Amino acid sequence: MSNHIIVGVHVTDRIKKAGAVQKALTECGCSIKTRLGLHEASETECSQAGVILLEVVGGAKAAKALMDKLAAIQGVEVKKMVFTHP
C-alpha cells in the first residue's frame, strides 16, 4: 500500500492568484485525487486568503512537481504531510 500524500496550499491573495493557481492545478490534474478548498465566506464578503488541501497520487515525484509549480507563484505557501502505512 502506498503512502497518503497531502499537500496544503495557502493562497494569500485569492482574487489575484486564482488563475495562476488553477493553471498549476490543471497541469498536474492527473496527480490530484481529492481537492478541498477552504476560505471564509458570508453573504456580504469573501476572504482574500484561502487554503486548498490536495490528496496526491503518483508518489513523491508527482507531489514534488505539483509543489514546485505552486511554490513558484508569489503569495502561495505550500506544505506537505505524508502518512505512511506499516
PDB file of N, CA and C in Angstrom:
ATOM      1  N   MET A   1       0.849  -1.182   0.000  1.00  0.00           N
ATOM      2  CA  MET A   1       0.000   0.000   0.000  1.00  0.00           C
ATOM      3  C   MET A   1       0.891   1.240   0.000  1.00  0.00           C
ATOM      4  N   SER A   2       0.547   2.229  -0.773  1.00  0.00           N
ATOM      5  CA  SER A   2       1.367   3.436  -0.872  1.00  0.00           C
ATOM      6  C   SER A   2       1.006   4.442   0.220  1.00  0.00           C
ATOM      7  N   ASN A   3       1.876   5.404   0.399  1.00  0.00           N
ATOM      8  CA  ASN A   3       1.648   6.466   1.378  1.00  0.00           C
ATOM      9  C   ASN A   3       0.530   7.387   0.929  1.00  0.00           C
ATOM     10  N   HIS A   4      -0.098   8.040   1.894  1.00  0.00           N
ATOM     11  CA  HIS A   4      -1.038   9.116   1.584  1.00  0.00           C
ATOM     12  C   HIS A   4      -0.258  10.418   1.641  1.00  0.00           C
ATOM     13  N   ILE A   5      -0.241  11.143   0.533  1.00  0.00           N
ATOM     14  CA  ILE A   5       0.460  12.431   0.476  1.00  0.00           C
ATOM     15  C   ILE A   5      -0.594  13.525   0.373  1.00  0.00           C
ATOM     16  N   ILE A   6      -0.569  14.433   1.351  1.00  0.00           N
ATOM     17  CA  ILE A   6      -1.488  15.564   1.382  1.00  0.00           C
ATOM     18  C   ILE A   6      -0.671  16.836   1.217  1.00  0.00           C
ATOM     19  N   VAL A   7      -1.058  17.675   0.279  1.00  0.00           N
ATOM     20  CA  VAL A   7      -0.389  18.954   0.049  1.00  0.00           C
ATOM     21  C   VAL A   7      -1.348  20.060   0.459  1.00  0.00           C
ATOM     22  N   GLY A   8      -0.865  20.938   1.332  1.00  0.00           N
ATOM     23  CA  GLY A   8      -1.630  22.108   1.754  1.00  0.00           C
ATOM     24  C   GLY A   8      -1.126  23.332   1.017  1.00  0.00           C
ATOM     25  N   VAL A   9      -2.055  24.108   0.495  1.00  0.00           N
ATOM     26  CA  VAL A   9      -1.705  25.297  -0.288  1.00  0.00           C
ATOM     27  C   VAL A   9      -2.393  26.504   0.341  1.00  0.00           C
ATOM     28  N   HIS A  10      -1.614  27.469   0.811  1.00  0.00           N
ATOM     29  CA  HIS A  10      -2.161  28.701   1.388  1.00  0.00           C
ATOM     30  C   HIS A  10      -2.008  29.814   0.364  1.00  0.00           C
ATOM     31  N   VAL A  11      -3.118  30.335  -0.091  1.00  0.00           N
ATOM     32  CA  VAL A  11      -3.122  31.401  -1.096  1.00  0.00           C
ATOM     33  C   VAL A  11      -3.478  32.695  -0.375  1.00  0.00           C
ATOM     34  N   THR A  12      -2.551  33.664  -0.370  1.00  0.00           N
ATOM     35  CA  THR A  12      -2.764  34.884   0.411  1.00  0.00           C
ATOM     36  C   THR A  12      -3.588  35.941  -0.311  1.00  0.00           C
ATOM     37  N   ASP A  13      -3.677  35.882  -1.605  1.00  0.00           N
ATOM     38  CA  ASP A  13      -4.482  36.854  -2.365  1.00  0.00           C
ATOM     39  C   ASP A  13      -5.266  36.091  -3.424  1.00  0.00           C
ATOM     40  N   ARG A  14      -6.359  35.447  -2.983  1.00  0.00           N
ATOM     41  CA  ARG A  14      -7.125  34.557  -3.849  1.00  0.00           C
ATOM     42  C   ARG A  14      -7.585  35.213  -5.138  1.00  0.00           C
ATOM     43  N   ILE A  15      -8.034  36.431  -5.045  1.00  0.00           N
ATOM     44  CA  ILE A  15      -8.598  37.107  -6.227  1.00  0.00           C
ATOM     45  C   ILE A  15      -7.530  37.270  -7.319  1.00  0.00           C
ATOM     46  N   LYS A  16      -6.340  37.698  -6.948  1.00  0.00           N
ATOM     47  CA  LYS A  16      -5.277  37.933  -7.930  1.00  0.00           C
ATOM     48  C   LYS A  16      -4.542  36.653  -8.332  1.00  0.00           C
ATOM     49  N   LYS A  17      -4.457  35.673  -7.447  1.00  0.00           N
ATOM     50  CA  LYS A  17      -3.642  34.485  -7.703  1.00  0.00           C
ATOM     51  C   LYS A  17      -4.448  33.283  -8.185  1.00  0.00           C
ATOM     52  N   ALA A  18      -5.766  33.355  -8.172  1.00  0.00           N
ATOM     53  CA  ALA A  18      -6.608  32.197  -8.509  1.00  0.00           C
ATOM     54  C   ALA A  18      -6.296  31.632  -9.895  1.00  0.00           C
ATOM     55  N   GLY A  19      -6.084  32.465 -10.880  1.00  0.00           N
ATOM     56  CA  GLY A  19      -5.808  31.999 -12.241  1.00  0.00           C
ATOM     57  C   GLY A  19      -4.518  31.202 -12.323  1.00  0.00           C
ATOM     58  N   ALA A  20      -3.452  31.710 -11.698  1.00  0.00           N
ATOM     59  CA  ALA A  20      -2.162  31.022 -11.734  1.00  0.00           C
ATOM     60  C   ALA A  20      -2.220  29.715 -10.943  1.00  0.00           C
ATOM     61  N   VAL A  21      -2.917  29.735  -9.818  1.00  0.00           N
ATOM     62  CA  VAL A  21      -3.058  28.516  -9.012  1.00  0.00           C
ATOM     63  C   VAL A  21      -3.853  27.473  -9.792  1.00  0.00           C
ATOM     64  N   GLN A  22      -4.950  27.890 -10.399  1.00  0.00           N
ATOM     65  CA  GLN A  22      -5.777  26.958 -11.162  1.00  0.00           C
ATOM     66  C   GLN A  22      -4.997  26.370 -12.336  1.00  0.00           C
ATOM     67  N   LYS A  23      -4.174  27.169 -12.978  1.00  0.00           N
ATOM     68  CA  LYS A  23      -3.356  26.679 -14.098  1.00  0.00           C
ATOM     69  C   LYS A  23      -2.409  25.583 -13.621  1.00  0.00           C
ATOM     70  N   ALA A  24      -1.736  25.802 -12.485  1.00  0.00           N
ATOM     71  CA  ALA A  24      -0.817  24.796 -11.940  1.00  0.00           C
ATOM     72  C   ALA A  24      -1.573  23.525 -11.564  1.00  0.00           C
ATOM     73  N   LEU A  25      -2.755  23.671 -10.960  1.00  0.00           N
ATOM     74  CA  LEU A  25      -3.548  22.505 -10.579  1.00  0.00           C
ATOM     75  C   LEU A  25      -4.005  21.723 -11.813  1.00  0.00           C
ATOM     76  N   THR A  26      -4.370  22.425 -12.856  1.00  0.00           N
ATOM     77  CA  THR A  26      -4.806  21.769 -14.095  1.00  0.00           C
ATOM     78  C   THR A  26      -3.646  21.017 -14.746  1.00  0.00           C
ATOM     79  N   GLU A  27      -2.461  21.628 -14.767  1.00  0.00           N
ATOM     80  CA  GLU A  27      -1.286  20.991 -15.364  1.00  0.00           C
ATOM     81  C   GLU A  27      -0.923  19.690 -14.640  1.00  0.00           C
ATOM     82  N   CYS A  28      -1.215  19.609 -13.363  1.00  0.00           N
ATOM     83  CA  CYS A  28      -0.905  18.411 -12.560  1.00  0.00           C
ATOM     84  C   CYS A  28      -2.175  17.654 -12.183  1.00  0.00           C
ATOM     85  N   GLY A  29      -3.243  17.898 -12.896  1.00  0.00           N
ATOM     86  CA  GLY A  29      -4.550  17.357 -12.553  1.00  0.00           C
ATOM     87  C   GLY A  29      -4.624  15.847 -12.427  1.00  0.00           C
ATOM     88  N   CYS A  30      -3.854  15.125 -13.214  1.00  0.00           N
ATOM     89  CA  CYS A  30      -3.888  13.653 -13.145  1.00  0.00           C
ATOM     90  C   CYS A  30      -3.265  13.127 -11.861  1.00  0.00           C
ATOM     91  N   SER A  31      -2.529  13.971 -11.138  1.00  0.00           N
ATOM     92  CA  SER A  31      -1.909  13.571  -9.876  1.00  0.00           C
ATOM     93  C   SER A  31      -2.761  13.943  -8.669  1.00  0.00           C
ATOM     94  N   ILE A  32      -3.873  14.635  -8.893  1.00  0.00           N
ATOM     95  CA  ILE A  32      -4.720  15.087  -7.789  1.00  0.00           C
ATOM     96  C   ILE A  32      -5.944  14.183  -7.690  1.00  0.00           C
ATOM     97  N   LYS A  33      -6.013  13.436  -6.579  1.00  0.00           N
ATOM     98  CA  LYS A  33      -7.144  12.542  -6.357  1.00  0.00           C
ATOM     99  C   LYS A  33      -8.306  13.289  -5.696  1.00  0.00           C
ATOM    100  N   THR A  34      -7.985  14.127  -4.707  1.00  0.00           N
ATOM    101  CA  THR A  34      -9.004  14.861  -3.963  1.00  0.00           C
ATOM    102  C   THR A  34      -8.560  16.305  -3.807  1.00  0.00           C
ATOM    103  N   ARG A  35      -9.508  17.229  -3.909  1.00  0.00           N
ATOM    104  CA  ARG A  35      -9.225  18.655  -3.758  1.00  0.00           C
ATOM    105  C   ARG A  35     -10.313  19.271  -2.893  1.00  0.00           C
ATOM    106  N   LEU A  36      -9.900  20.008  -1.858  1.00  0.00           N
ATOM    107  CA  LEU A  36     -10.834  20.675  -0.953  1.00  0.00           C
ATOM    108  C   LEU A  36     -10.379  22.107  -0.750  1.00  0.00           C
ATOM    109  N   GLY A  37     -11.229  23.061  -1.075  1.00  0.00           N
ATOM    110  CA  GLY A  37     -10.910  24.475  -0.896  1.00  0.00           C
ATOM    111  C   GLY A  37     -11.620  25.046   0.308  1.00  0.00           C
ATOM    112  N   LEU A  38     -10.885  25.814   1.117  1.00  0.00           N
ATOM    113  CA  LEU A  38     -11.425  26.422   2.327  1.00  0.00           C
ATOM    114  C   LEU A  38     -11.141  27.917   2.335  1.00  0.00           C
ATOM    115  N   HIS A  39     -12.150  28.712   2.583  1.00  0.00           N
ATOM    116  CA  HIS A  39     -11.956  30.143   2.786  1.00  0.00           C
ATOM    117  C   HIS A  39     -13.155  30.699   3.541  1.00  0.00           C
ATOM    118  N   GLU A  40     -12.962  31.826   4.176  1.00  0.00           N
ATOM    119  CA  GLU A  40     -14.046  32.481   4.903  1.00  0.00           C
ATOM    120  C   GLU A  40     -14.998  33.111   3.894  1.00  0.00           C
ATOM    121  N   ALA A  41     -16.270  32.891   4.085  1.00  0.00           N
ATOM    122  CA  ALA A  41     -17.269  33.464   3.180  1.00  0.00           C
ATOM    123  C   ALA A  41     -18.545  33.760   3.962  1.00  0.00           C
ATOM    124  N   SER A  42     -19.213  34.820   3.559  1.00  0.00           N
ATOM    125  CA  SER A  42     -20.515  35.159   4.124  1.00  0.00           C
ATOM    126  C   SER A  42     -21.354  35.766   3.004  1.00  0.00           C
ATOM    127  N   GLU A  43     -22.547  36.151   3.325  1.00  0.00           N
ATOM    128  CA  GLU A  43     -23.408  36.763   2.307  1.00  0.00           C
ATOM    129  C   GLU A  43     -22.896  38.119   1.856  1.00  0.00           C
ATOM    130  N   THR A  44     -22.063  38.768   2.683  1.00  0.00           N
ATOM    131  CA  THR A  44     -21.614  40.121   2.370  1.00  0.00           C
ATOM    132  C   THR A  44     -20.156  40.237   1.942  1.00  0.00           C
ATOM    133  N   GLU A  45     -19.336  39.221   2.232  1.00  0.00           N
ATOM    134  CA  GLU A  45     -17.932  39.314   1.840  1.00  0.00           C
ATOM    135  C   GLU A  45     -17.311  37.941   1.654  1.00  0.00           C
ATOM    136  N   CYS A  46     -16.180  37.941   0.953  1.00  0.00           N
ATOM    137  CA  CYS A  46     -15.440  36.716   0.681  1.00  0.00           C
ATOM    138  C   CYS A  46     -13.972  36.991   1.030  1.00  0.00           C
ATOM    139  N   SER A  47     -13.355  36.118   1.790  1.00  0.00           N
ATOM    140  CA  SER A  47     -11.989  36.300   2.259  1.00  0.00           C
ATOM    141  C   SER A  47     -10.993  36.389   1.103  1.00  0.00           C
ATOM    142  N   GLN A  48      -9.966  37.165   1.295  1.00  0.00           N
ATOM    143  CA  GLN A  48      -8.882  37.284   0.309  1.00  0.00           C
ATOM    144  C   GLN A  48      -7.933  36.096   0.372  1.00  0.00           C
ATOM    145  N   ALA A  49      -7.884  35.398   1.518  1.00  0.00           N
ATOM    146  CA  ALA A  49      -6.973  34.269   1.691  1.00  0.00           C
ATOM    147  C   ALA A  49      -7.763  32.975   1.703  1.00  0.00           C
ATOM    148  N   GLY A  50      -7.103  31.900   1.344  1.00  0.00           N
ATOM    149  CA  GLY A  50      -7.748  30.600   1.365  1.00  0.00           C
ATOM    150  C   GLY A  50      -6.735  29.481   1.439  1.00  0.00           C
ATOM    151  N   VAL A  51      -7.240  28.296   1.759  1.00  0.00           N
ATOM    152  CA  VAL A  51      -6.412  27.108   1.855  1.00  0.00           C
ATOM    153  C   VAL A  51      -7.008  26.040   0.946  1.00  0.00           C
ATOM    154  N   ILE A  52      -6.145  25.339   0.231  1.00  0.00           N
ATOM    155  CA  ILE A  52      -6.558  24.218  -0.601  1.00  0.00           C
ATOM    156  C   ILE A  52      -5.823  22.987  -0.079  1.00  0.00           C
ATOM    157  N   LEU A  53      -6.558  21.905   0.160  1.00  0.00           N
ATOM    158  CA  LEU A  53      -5.962  20.636   0.553  1.00  0.00           C
ATOM    159  C   LEU A  53      -6.064  19.684  -0.626  1.00  0.00           C
ATOM    160  N   LEU A  54      -4.938  19.060  -0.977  1.00  0.00           N
ATOM    161  CA  LEU A  54      -4.882  18.165  -2.123  1.00  0.00           C
ATOM    162  C   LEU A  54      -4.372  16.795  -1.695  1.00  0.00           C
ATOM    163  N   GLU A  55      -5.075  15.742  -2.098  1.00  0.00           N
ATOM    164  CA  GLU A  55      -4.579  14.387  -1.926  1.00  0.00           C
ATOM    165  C   GLU A  55      -3.906  14.025  -3.242  1.00  0.00           C
ATOM    166  N   VAL A  56      -2.615  13.707  -3.184  1.00  0.00           N
ATOM    167  CA  VAL A  56      -1.817  13.494  -4.388  1.00  0.00           C
ATOM    168  C   VAL A  56      -1.543  12.005  -4.591  1.00  0.00           C
ATOM    169  N   VAL A  57      -1.694  11.551  -5.824  1.00  0.00           N
ATOM    170  CA  VAL A  57      -1.329  10.188  -6.204  1.00  0.00           C
ATOM    171  C   VAL A  57      -0.120  10.263  -7.133  1.00  0.00           C
ATOM    172  N   GLY A  58       0.600   9.161  -7.243  1.00  0.00           N
ATOM    173  CA  GLY A  58       1.769   9.150  -8.123  1.00  0.00           C
ATOM    174  C   GLY A  58       3.072   9.254  -7.367  1.00  0.00           C
ATOM    175  N   GLY A  59       3.009   9.255  -6.061  1.00  0.00           N
ATOM    176  CA  GLY A  59       4.217   9.234  -5.250  1.00  0.00           C
ATOM    177  C   GLY A  59       4.888  10.573  -5.048  1.00  0.00           C
ATOM    178  N   ALA A  60       6.082  10.493  -4.461  1.00  0.00           N
ATOM    179  CA  ALA A  60       6.835  11.689  -4.090  1.00  0.00           C
ATOM    180  C   ALA A  60       7.201  12.552  -5.296  1.00  0.00           C
ATOM    181  N   LYS A  61       7.485  11.924  -6.421  1.00  0.00           N
ATOM    182  CA  LYS A  61       7.878  12.681  -7.623  1.00  0.00           C
ATOM    183  C   LYS A  61       6.722  13.549  -8.117  1.00  0.00           C
ATOM    184  N   ALA A  62       5.514  12.990  -8.149  1.00  0.00           N
ATOM    185  CA  ALA A  62       4.345  13.757  -8.586  1.00  0.00           C
ATOM    186  C   ALA A  62       4.040  14.876  -7.601  1.00  0.00           C
ATOM    187  N   ALA A  63       4.178  14.596  -6.313  1.00  0.00           N
ATOM    188  CA  ALA A  63       3.930  15.614  -5.293  1.00  0.00           C
ATOM    189  C   ALA A  63       4.924  16.762  -5.418  1.00  0.00           C
ATOM    190  N   LYS A  64       6.195  16.426  -5.643  1.00  0.00           N
ATOM    191  CA  LYS A  64       7.218  17.472  -5.778  1.00  0.00           C
ATOM    192  C   LYS A  64       6.956  18.348  -6.996  1.00  0.00           C
ATOM    193  N   ALA A  65       6.588  17.751  -8.110  1.00  0.00           N
ATOM    194  CA  ALA A  65       6.308  18.529  -9.323  1.00  0.00           C
ATOM    195  C   ALA A  65       5.158  19.504  -9.072  1.00  0.00           C
ATOM    196  N   LEU A  66       4.106  19.036  -8.430  1.00  0.00           N
ATOM    197  CA  LEU A  66       2.963  19.894  -8.110  1.00  0.00           C
ATOM    198  C   LEU A  66       3.374  21.001  -7.143  1.00  0.00           C
ATOM    199  N   MET A  67       4.086  20.638  -6.095  1.00  0.00           N
ATOM    200  CA  MET A  67       4.509  21.627  -5.101  1.00  0.00           C
ATOM    201  C   MET A  67       5.433  22.680  -5.696  1.00  0.00           C
ATOM    202  N   ASP A  68       6.333  22.274  -6.570  1.00  0.00           N
ATOM    203  CA  ASP A  68       7.244  23.230  -7.210  1.00  0.00           C
ATOM    204  C   ASP A  68       6.477  24.238  -8.062  1.00  0.00           C
ATOM    205  N   LYS A  69       5.489  23.763  -8.812  1.00  0.00           N
ATOM    206  CA  LYS A  69       4.682  24.672  -9.645  1.00  0.00           C
ATOM    207  C   LYS A  69       3.936  25.681  -8.770  1.00  0.00           C
ATOM    208  N   LEU A  70       3.340  25.194  -7.685  1.00  0.00           N
ATOM    209  CA  LEU A  70       2.569  26.078  -6.812  1.00  0.00           C
ATOM    210  C   LEU A  70       3.463  27.045  -6.047  1.00  0.00           C
ATOM    211  N   ALA A  71       4.597  26.562  -5.545  1.00  0.00           N
ATOM    212  CA  ALA A  71       5.511  27.404  -4.774  1.00  0.00           C
ATOM    213  C   ALA A  71       6.140  28.510  -5.620  1.00  0.00           C
ATOM    214  N   ALA A  72       6.176  28.327  -6.935  1.00  0.00           N
ATOM    215  CA  ALA A  72       6.739  29.354  -7.832  1.00  0.00           C
ATOM    216  C   ALA A  72       5.820  30.563  -7.971  1.00  0.00           C
ATOM    217  N   ILE A  73       4.586  30.444  -7.495  1.00  0.00           N
ATOM    218  CA  ILE A  73       3.627  31.552  -7.578  1.00  0.00           C
ATOM    219  C   ILE A  73       3.796  32.432  -6.341  1.00  0.00           C
ATOM    220  N   GLN A  74       4.108  33.698  -6.559  1.00  0.00           N
ATOM    221  CA  GLN A  74       4.296  34.618  -5.441  1.00  0.00           C
ATOM    222  C   GLN A  74       2.999  34.726  -4.639  1.00  0.00           C
ATOM    223  N   GLY A  75       3.112  34.650  -3.309  1.00  0.00           N
ATOM    224  CA  GLY A  75       1.935  34.745  -2.449  1.00  0.00           C
ATOM    225  C   GLY A  75       1.282  33.402  -2.171  1.00  0.00           C
ATOM    226  N   VAL A  76       1.943  32.310  -2.580  1.00  0.00           N
ATOM    227  CA  VAL A  76       1.418  30.969  -2.338  1.00  0.00           C
ATOM    228  C   VAL A  76       2.437  30.210  -1.478  1.00  0.00           C
ATOM    229  N   GLU A  77       1.954  29.653  -0.376  1.00  0.00           N
ATOM    230  CA  GLU A  77       2.779  28.850   0.526  1.00  0.00           C
ATOM    231  C   GLU A  77       2.322  27.398   0.412  1.00  0.00           C
ATOM    232  N   VAL A  78       3.268  26.468   0.350  1.00  0.00           N
ATOM    233  CA  VAL A  78       2.949  25.055   0.137  1.00  0.00           C
ATOM    234  C   VAL A  78       3.622  24.203   1.212  1.00  0.00           C
ATOM    235  N   LYS A  79       2.849  23.258   1.777  1.00  0.00           N
ATOM    236  CA  LYS A  79       3.390  22.322   2.767  1.00  0.00           C
ATOM    237  C   LYS A  79       2.879  20.925   2.457  1.00  0.00           C
ATOM    238  N   LYS A  80       3.637  19.926   2.908  1.00  0.00           N
ATOM    239  CA  LYS A  80       3.284  18.538   2.614  1.00  0.00           C
ATOM    240  C   LYS A  80       3.181  17.733   3.904  1.00  0.00           C
ATOM    241  N   MET A  81       2.201  16.833   3.937  1.00  0.00           N
ATOM    242  CA  MET A  81       2.073  15.845   5.001  1.00  0.00           C
ATOM    243  C   MET A  81       2.106  14.465   4.343  1.00  0.00           C
ATOM    244  N   VAL A  82       2.814  13.536   4.953  1.00  0.00           N
ATOM    245  CA  VAL A  82       2.872  12.177   4.435  1.00  0.00           C
ATOM    246  C   VAL A  82       2.468  11.221   5.552  1.00  0.00           C
ATOM    247  N   PHE A  83       1.473  10.413   5.277  1.00  0.00           N
ATOM    248  CA  PHE A  83       1.017   9.384   6.203  1.00  0.00           C
ATOM    249  C   PHE A  83       1.450   8.042   5.641  1.00  0.00           C
ATOM    250  N   THR A  84       2.312   7.339   6.386  1.00  0.00           N
ATOM    251  CA  THR A  84       2.818   6.047   5.915  1.00  0.00           C
ATOM    252  C   THR A  84       2.008   4.911   6.494  1.00  0.00           C
ATOM    253  N   HIS A  85       2.049   3.802   5.793  1.00  0.00           N
ATOM    254  CA  HIS A  85       1.340   2.602   6.219  1.00  0.00           C
ATOM    255  C   HIS A  85       2.354   1.525   6.564  1.00  0.00           C
ATOM    256  N   PRO A  86       2.110   0.801   7.651  1.00  0.00           N
ATOM    257  CA  PRO A  86       3.050  -0.266   8.042  1.00  0.00           C
ATOM    258  C   PRO A  86       3.045  -1.405   7.028  1.00  0.00           C
TER     259      PRO A  86
END
